[in-house]
Each structure stands twice: as structure tokens, then as C-alpha cells.
Amino acid sequence: MYRSRRHKVIAGVCGGIAERLGWSPNVVRLLFVLSCILPGPQFIIYLLMWIFIRKAPVTGGPSAPYYQ
């Protein structure tokens, strides 16, 4: 699992989860925001994932029109 380079708003965590599961990044972001209504360590888990999950490798090189 990697943090997304394409579907990145803050750190690419939700985008990376969405790419891994084959879901829309907006659905994962919405689920995260809705989960923040419930008590729990959602923000801490997000920060830990931001720290420990690597960014997706760059493919296509600098001349590619968009990161893959």
C-alpha cells in the first residue's frame, strides 16, 4: 500500500486507500469525515498512516504529462 500521488488532497492517505480498494477517493474521504463524528482515534490513525506509509513510486519520469 502506498500514499497516492494522483489523488492527493492533504497527504494522499485516503487516495492510497481508495486506489488499493478500487474505490473512488471521494468516497473514502467522505467515509473518513463521517467517521470523525464517532468517538475514536481517527486523526491519530491518519497521522500515523501519513508518517509510516510510503509515497507511491513515480512512474513515467519527469517528461510524463501526469504521475501514474
PDB file of N, CA and C in Angstrom:
ATOM      1  N   MET A   1       0.843  -1.176   0.000  1.00  0.00           N
ATOM      2  CA  MET A   1       0.000   0.000   0.000  1.00  0.00           C
ATOM      3  C   MET A   1       0.884   1.234   0.000  1.00  0.00           C
ATOM      4  N   TYR A   2       0.482   2.213  -0.799  1.00  0.00           N
ATOM      5  CA  TYR A   2       1.216   3.461  -0.920  1.00  0.00           C
ATOM      6  C   TYR A   2       0.265   4.637  -0.757  1.00  0.00           C
ATOM      7  N   ARG A   3       0.814   5.793  -0.388  1.00  0.00           N
ATOM      8  CA  ARG A   3       0.047   7.033  -0.434  1.00  0.00           C
ATOM      9  C   ARG A   3      -0.011   7.476  -1.886  1.00  0.00           C
ATOM     10  N   SER A   4      -1.151   7.945  -2.294  1.00  0.00           N
ATOM     11  CA  SER A   4      -1.365   8.301  -3.690  1.00  0.00           C
ATOM     12  C   SER A   4      -0.669   9.605  -4.056  1.00  0.00           C
ATOM     13  N   ARG A   5      -0.139   9.655  -5.261  1.00  0.00           N
ATOM     14  CA  ARG A   5       0.391  10.903  -5.804  1.00  0.00           C
ATOM     15  C   ARG A   5      -0.655  11.597  -6.674  1.00  0.00           C
ATOM     16  N   ARG A   6      -1.557  10.816  -7.263  1.00  0.00           N
ATOM     17  CA  ARG A   6      -2.568  11.380  -8.154  1.00  0.00           C
ATOM     18  C   ARG A   6      -3.776  11.923  -7.397  1.00  0.00           C
ATOM     19  N   HIS A   7      -4.249  11.174  -6.408  1.00  0.00           N
ATOM     20  CA  HIS A   7      -5.473  11.521  -5.680  1.00  0.00           C
ATOM     21  C   HIS A   7      -5.106  12.052  -4.309  1.00  0.00           C
ATOM     22  N   LYS A   8      -4.395  13.147  -4.300  1.00  0.00           N
ATOM     23  CA  LYS A   8      -3.851  13.699  -3.065  1.00  0.00           C
ATOM     24  C   LYS A   8      -4.536  15.020  -2.760  1.00  0.00           C
ATOM     25  N   VAL A   9      -5.051  15.138  -1.534  1.00  0.00           N
ATOM     26  CA  VAL A   9      -5.591  16.413  -1.074  1.00  0.00           C
ATOM     27  C   VAL A   9      -4.677  16.959   0.022  1.00  0.00           C
ATOM     28  N   ILE A  10      -4.445  16.149   1.044  1.00  0.00           N
ATOM     29  CA  ILE A  10      -3.522  16.563   2.108  1.00  0.00           C
ATOM     30  C   ILE A  10      -2.249  15.736   2.024  1.00  0.00           C
ATOM     31  N   ALA A  11      -2.362  14.445   2.272  1.00  0.00           N
ATOM     32  CA  ALA A  11      -1.167  13.598   2.282  1.00  0.00           C
ATOM     33  C   ALA A  11      -1.273  12.418   1.332  1.00  0.00           C
ATOM     34  N   GLY A  12      -2.432  12.193   0.731  1.00  0.00           N
ATOM     35  CA  GLY A  12      -2.604  11.069  -0.176  1.00  0.00           C
ATOM     36  C   GLY A  12      -3.011   9.778   0.516  1.00  0.00           C
ATOM     37  N   VAL A  13      -3.318   9.832   1.810  1.00  0.00           N
ATOM     38  CA  VAL A  13      -3.678   8.616   2.548  1.00  0.00           C
ATOM     39  C   VAL A  13      -5.010   8.063   2.051  1.00  0.00           C
ATOM     40  N   CYS A  14      -6.027   8.897   2.005  1.00  0.00           N
ATOM     41  CA  CYS A  14      -7.345   8.431   1.544  1.00  0.00           C
ATOM     42  C   CYS A  14      -7.289   8.015   0.073  1.00  0.00           C
ATOM     43  N   GLY A  15      -6.510   8.744  -0.730  1.00  0.00           N
ATOM     44  CA  GLY A  15      -6.344   8.370  -2.134  1.00  0.00           C
ATOM     45  C   GLY A  15      -5.652   7.031  -2.280  1.00  0.00           C
ATOM     46  N   GLY A  16      -4.668   6.764  -1.438  1.00  0.00           N
ATOM     47  CA  GLY A  16      -3.972   5.479  -1.473  1.00  0.00           C
ATOM     48  C   GLY A  16      -4.872   4.334  -1.058  1.00  0.00           C
ATOM     49  N   ILE A  17      -5.691   4.557  -0.039  1.00  0.00           N
ATOM     50  CA  ILE A  17      -6.647   3.533   0.372  1.00  0.00           C
ATOM     51  C   ILE A  17      -7.644   3.267  -0.750  1.00  0.00           C
ATOM     52  N   ALA A  18      -8.118   4.324  -1.393  1.00  0.00           N
ATOM     53  CA  ALA A  18      -9.071   4.181  -2.490  1.00  0.00           C
ATOM     54  C   ALA A  18      -8.461   3.414  -3.656  1.00  0.00           C
ATOM     55  N   GLU A  19      -7.222   3.725  -4.010  1.00  0.00           N
ATOM     56  CA  GLU A  19      -6.565   3.006  -5.102  1.00  0.00           C
ATOM     57  C   GLU A  19      -6.398   1.532  -4.752  1.00  0.00           C
ATOM     58  N   ARG A  20      -6.049   1.249  -3.518  1.00  0.00           N
ATOM     59  CA  ARG A  20      -5.854  -0.131  -3.068  1.00  0.00           C
ATOM     60  C   ARG A  20      -7.154  -0.937  -3.135  1.00  0.00           C
ATOM     61  N   LEU A  21      -8.277  -0.292  -2.745  1.00  0.00           N
ATOM     62  CA  LEU A  21      -9.562  -0.979  -2.713  1.00  0.00           C
ATOM     63  C   LEU A  21     -10.339  -0.884  -4.034  1.00  0.00           C
ATOM     64  N   GLY A  22      -9.867  -0.023  -4.934  1.00  0.00           N
ATOM     65  CA  GLY A  22     -10.569   0.161  -6.205  1.00  0.00           C
ATOM     66  C   GLY A  22     -11.806   1.040  -6.069  1.00  0.00           C
ATOM     67  N   TRP A  23     -11.816   1.912  -5.079  1.00  0.00           N
ATOM     68  CA  TRP A  23     -12.941   2.814  -4.824  1.00  0.00           C
ATOM     69  C   TRP A  23     -12.604   4.213  -5.311  1.00  0.00           C
ATOM     70  N   SER A  24     -13.601   5.065  -5.283  1.00  0.00           N
ATOM     71  CA  SER A  24     -13.397   6.473  -5.589  1.00  0.00           C
ATOM     72  C   SER A  24     -12.738   7.147  -4.386  1.00  0.00           C
ATOM     73  N   PRO A  25     -11.735   7.987  -4.600  1.00  0.00           N
ATOM     74  CA  PRO A  25     -11.106   8.694  -3.478  1.00  0.00           C
ATOM     75  C   PRO A  25     -12.096   9.566  -2.708  1.00  0.00           C
ATOM     76  N   ASN A  26     -13.084  10.117  -3.400  1.00  0.00           N
ATOM     77  CA  ASN A  26     -14.064  10.960  -2.709  1.00  0.00           C
ATOM     78  C   ASN A  26     -14.921  10.156  -1.733  1.00  0.00           C
ATOM     79  N   VAL A  27     -15.211   8.905  -2.076  1.00  0.00           N
ATOM     80  CA  VAL A  27     -15.978   8.048  -1.169  1.00  0.00           C
ATOM     81  C   VAL A  27     -15.172   7.784   0.097  1.00  0.00           C
ATOM     82  N   VAL A  28     -13.885   7.497  -0.047  1.00  0.00           N
ATOM     83  CA  VAL A  28     -13.042   7.228   1.116  1.00  0.00           C
ATOM     84  C   VAL A  28     -12.919   8.483   1.971  1.00  0.00           C
ATOM     85  N   ARG A  29     -12.766   9.636   1.350  1.00  0.00           N
ATOM     86  CA  ARG A  29     -12.688  10.891   2.111  1.00  0.00           C
ATOM     87  C   ARG A  29     -13.993  11.163   2.857  1.00  0.00           C
ATOM     88  N   LEU A  30     -15.125  10.926   2.202  1.00  0.00           N
ATOM     89  CA  LEU A  30     -16.416  11.121   2.842  1.00  0.00           C
ATOM     90  C   LEU A  30     -16.580  10.179   4.032  1.00  0.00           C
ATOM     91  N   LEU A  31     -16.186   8.916   3.865  1.00  0.00           N
ATOM     92  CA  LEU A  31     -16.268   7.962   4.971  1.00  0.00           C
ATOM     93  C   LEU A  31     -15.376   8.387   6.134  1.00  0.00           C
ATOM     94  N   PHE A  32     -14.203   8.923   5.828  1.00  0.00           N
ATOM     95  CA  PHE A  32     -13.314   9.397   6.886  1.00  0.00           C
ATOM     96  C   PHE A  32     -13.943  10.568   7.644  1.00  0.00           C
ATOM     97  N   VAL A  33     -14.491  11.517   6.917  1.00  0.00           N
ATOM     98  CA  VAL A  33     -15.108  12.678   7.558  1.00  0.00           C
ATOM     99  C   VAL A  33     -16.308  12.243   8.397  1.00  0.00           C
ATOM    100  N   LEU A  34     -17.118  11.338   7.877  1.00  0.00           N
ATOM    101  CA  LEU A  34     -18.263  10.847   8.646  1.00  0.00           C
ATOM    102  C   LEU A  34     -17.810  10.067   9.876  1.00  0.00           C
ATOM    103  N   SER A  35     -16.698   9.348   9.765  1.00  0.00           N
ATOM    104  CA  SER A  35     -16.205   8.594  10.919  1.00  0.00           C
ATOM    105  C   SER A  35     -15.713   9.515  12.029  1.00  0.00           C
ATOM    106  N   CYS A  36     -15.380  10.745  11.682  1.00  0.00           N
ATOM    107  CA  CYS A  36     -14.911  11.702  12.696  1.00  0.00           C
ATOM    108  C   CYS A  36     -16.034  12.133  13.628  1.00  0.00           C
ATOM    109  N   ILE A  37     -17.278  11.881  13.245  1.00  0.00           N
ATOM    110  CA  ILE A  37     -18.412  12.177  14.120  1.00  0.00           C
ATOM    111  C   ILE A  37     -18.411  11.220  15.307  1.00  0.00           C
ATOM    112  N   LEU A  38     -17.969   9.988  15.073  1.00  0.00           N
ATOM    113  CA  LEU A  38     -17.920   8.975  16.122  1.00  0.00           C
ATOM    114  C   LEU A  38     -16.682   9.182  16.983  1.00  0.00           C
ATOM    115  N   PRO A  39     -16.765   8.797  18.242  1.00  0.00           N
ATOM    116  CA  PRO A  39     -15.565   8.897  19.085  1.00  0.00           C
ATOM    117  C   PRO A  39     -14.535   7.853  18.669  1.00  0.00           C
ATOM    118  N   GLY A  40     -13.289   8.239  18.723  1.00  0.00           N
ATOM    119  CA  GLY A  40     -12.228   7.306  18.372  1.00  0.00           C
ATOM    120  C   GLY A  40     -10.980   8.027  17.911  1.00  0.00           C
ATOM    121  N   PRO A  41      -9.963   7.261  17.598  1.00  0.00           N
ATOM    122  CA  PRO A  41      -8.656   7.845  17.254  1.00  0.00           C
ATOM    123  C   PRO A  41      -8.442   8.043  15.744  1.00  0.00           C
ATOM    124  N   GLN A  42      -9.458   8.507  15.021  1.00  0.00           N
ATOM    125  CA  GLN A  42      -9.343   8.622  13.569  1.00  0.00           C
ATOM    126  C   GLN A  42      -8.194   9.524  13.143  1.00  0.00           C
ATOM    127  N   PHE A  43      -8.050  10.677  13.780  1.00  0.00           N
ATOM    128  CA  PHE A  43      -6.992  11.614  13.385  1.00  0.00           C
ATOM    129  C   PHE A  43      -5.612  11.053  13.701  1.00  0.00           C
ATOM    130  N   ILE A  44      -5.488  10.359  14.806  1.00  0.00           N
ATOM    131  CA  ILE A  44      -4.199   9.757  15.169  1.00  0.00           C
ATOM    132  C   ILE A  44      -3.830   8.672  14.165  1.00  0.00           C
ATOM    133  N   ILE A  45      -4.800   7.851  13.786  1.00  0.00           N
ATOM    134  CA  ILE A  45      -4.541   6.809  12.793  1.00  0.00           C
ATOM    135  C   ILE A  45      -4.143   7.434  11.459  1.00  0.00           C
ATOM    136  N   TYR A  46      -4.838   8.507  11.055  1.00  0.00           N
ATOM    137  CA  TYR A  46      -4.497   9.194   9.813  1.00  0.00           C
ATOM    138  C   TYR A  46      -3.059   9.719   9.859  1.00  0.00           C
ATOM    139  N   LEU A  47      -2.698  10.354  10.960  1.00  0.00           N
ATOM    140  CA  LEU A  47      -1.331  10.884  11.095  1.00  0.00           C
ATOM    141  C   LEU A  47      -0.293   9.764  11.062  1.00  0.00           C
ATOM    142  N   LEU A  48      -0.582   8.649  11.722  1.00  0.00           N
ATOM    143  CA  LEU A  48       0.350   7.517  11.697  1.00  0.00           C
ATOM    144  C   LEU A  48       0.494   6.948  10.285  1.00  0.00           C
ATOM    145  N   MET A  49      -0.621   6.869   9.564  1.00  0.00           N
ATOM    146  CA  MET A  49      -0.546   6.382   8.185  1.00  0.00           C
ATOM    147  C   MET A  49       0.250   7.353   7.323  1.00  0.00           C
ATOM    148  N   TRP A  50       0.098   8.647   7.551  1.00  0.00           N
ATOM    149  CA  TRP A  50       0.836   9.663   6.818  1.00  0.00           C
ATOM    150  C   TRP A  50       2.339   9.485   7.043  1.00  0.00           C
ATOM    151  N   ILE A  51       2.708   9.159   8.266  1.00  0.00           N
ATOM    152  CA  ILE A  51       4.118   9.016   8.611  1.00  0.00           C
ATOM    153  C   ILE A  51       4.707   7.704   8.088  1.00  0.00           C
ATOM    154  N   PHE A  52       3.978   6.599   8.250  1.00  0.00           N
ATOM    155  CA  PHE A  52       4.571   5.287   8.010  1.00  0.00           C
ATOM    156  C   PHE A  52       4.331   4.694   6.621  1.00  0.00           C
ATOM    157  N   ILE A  53       3.332   5.154   5.902  1.00  0.00           N
ATOM    158  CA  ILE A  53       3.088   4.624   4.559  1.00  0.00           C
ATOM    159  C   ILE A  53       3.880   5.454   3.557  1.00  0.00           C
ATOM    160  N   ARG A  54       4.624   4.756   2.709  1.00  0.00           N
ATOM    161  CA  ARG A  54       5.459   5.448   1.721  1.00  0.00           C
ATOM    162  C   ARG A  54       4.614   6.012   0.585  1.00  0.00           C
ATOM    163  N   LYS A  55       5.147   7.044  -0.074  1.00  0.00           N
ATOM    164  CA  LYS A  55       4.515   7.580  -1.273  1.00  0.00           C
ATOM    165  C   LYS A  55       4.663   6.580  -2.398  1.00  0.00           C
ATOM    166  N   ALA A  56       3.718   6.590  -3.306  1.00  0.00           N
ATOM    167  CA  ALA A  56       3.778   5.724  -4.472  1.00  0.00           C
ATOM    168  C   ALA A  56       4.994   6.111  -5.309  1.00  0.00           C
ATOM    169  N   PRO A  57       5.667   5.127  -5.892  1.00  0.00           N
ATOM    170  CA  PRO A  57       6.818   5.454  -6.735  1.00  0.00           C
ATOM    171  C   PRO A  57       6.382   6.233  -7.974  1.00  0.00           C
ATOM    172  N   VAL A  58       7.251   7.109  -8.418  1.00  0.00           N
ATOM    173  CA  VAL A  58       6.979   7.899  -9.614  1.00  0.00           C
ATOM    174  C   VAL A  58       7.257   7.023 -10.822  1.00  0.00           C
ATOM    175  N   THR A  59       6.296   6.975 -11.724  1.00  0.00           N
ATOM    176  CA  THR A  59       6.486   6.220 -12.963  1.00  0.00           C
ATOM    177  C   THR A  59       6.318   7.162 -14.137  1.00  0.00           C
ATOM    178  N   GLY A  60       7.017   6.919 -15.190  1.00  0.00           N
ATOM    179  CA  GLY A  60       6.885   7.745 -16.380  1.00  0.00           C
ATOM    180  C   GLY A  60       7.917   8.834 -16.494  1.00  0.00           C
ATOM    181  N   GLY A  61       8.617   9.151 -15.431  1.00  0.00           N
ATOM    182  CA  GLY A  61       9.668  10.154 -15.485  1.00  0.00           C
ATOM    183  C   GLY A  61       9.120  11.561 -15.521  1.00  0.00           C
ATOM    184  N   PRO A  62      10.018  12.547 -15.517  1.00  0.00           N
ATOM    185  CA  PRO A  62       9.595  13.945 -15.468  1.00  0.00           C
ATOM    186  C   PRO A  62       8.929  14.420 -16.755  1.00  0.00           C
ATOM    187  N   SER A  63       9.154  13.731 -17.867  1.00  0.00           N
ATOM    188  CA  SER A  63       8.537  14.169 -19.115  1.00  0.00           C
ATOM    189  C   SER A  63       7.109  13.653 -19.271  1.00  0.00           C
ATOM    190  N   ALA A  64       6.681  12.775 -18.380  1.00  0.00           N
ATOM    191  CA  ALA A  64       5.307  12.277 -18.437  1.00  0.00           C
ATOM    192  C   ALA A  64       4.341  13.397 -18.090  1.00  0.00           C
ATOM    193  N   PRO A  65       3.210  13.457 -18.785  1.00  0.00           N
ATOM    194  CA  PRO A  65       2.268  14.560 -18.532  1.00  0.00           C
ATOM    195  C   PRO A  65       1.598  14.481 -17.168  1.00  0.00           C
ATOM    196  N   TYR A  66       1.563  13.297 -16.553  1.00  0.00           N
ATOM    197  CA  TYR A  66       0.861  13.130 -15.279  1.00  0.00           C
ATOM    198  C   TYR A  66       1.477  11.962 -14.549  1.00  0.00           C
ATOM    199  N   TYR A  67       1.616  12.079 -13.242  1.00  0.00           N
ATOM    200  CA  TYR A  67       2.162  10.970 -12.465  1.00  0.00           C
ATOM    201  C   TYR A  67       1.192   9.797 -12.518  1.00  0.00           C
ATOM    202  N   GLN A  68       1.718   8.638 -12.662  1.00  0.00           N
ATOM    203  CA  GLN A  68       0.908   7.414 -12.709  1.00  0.00           C
ATOM    204  C   GLN A  68       0.649   6.916 -11.329  1.00  0.00           C
TER     205      GLN A  68
END
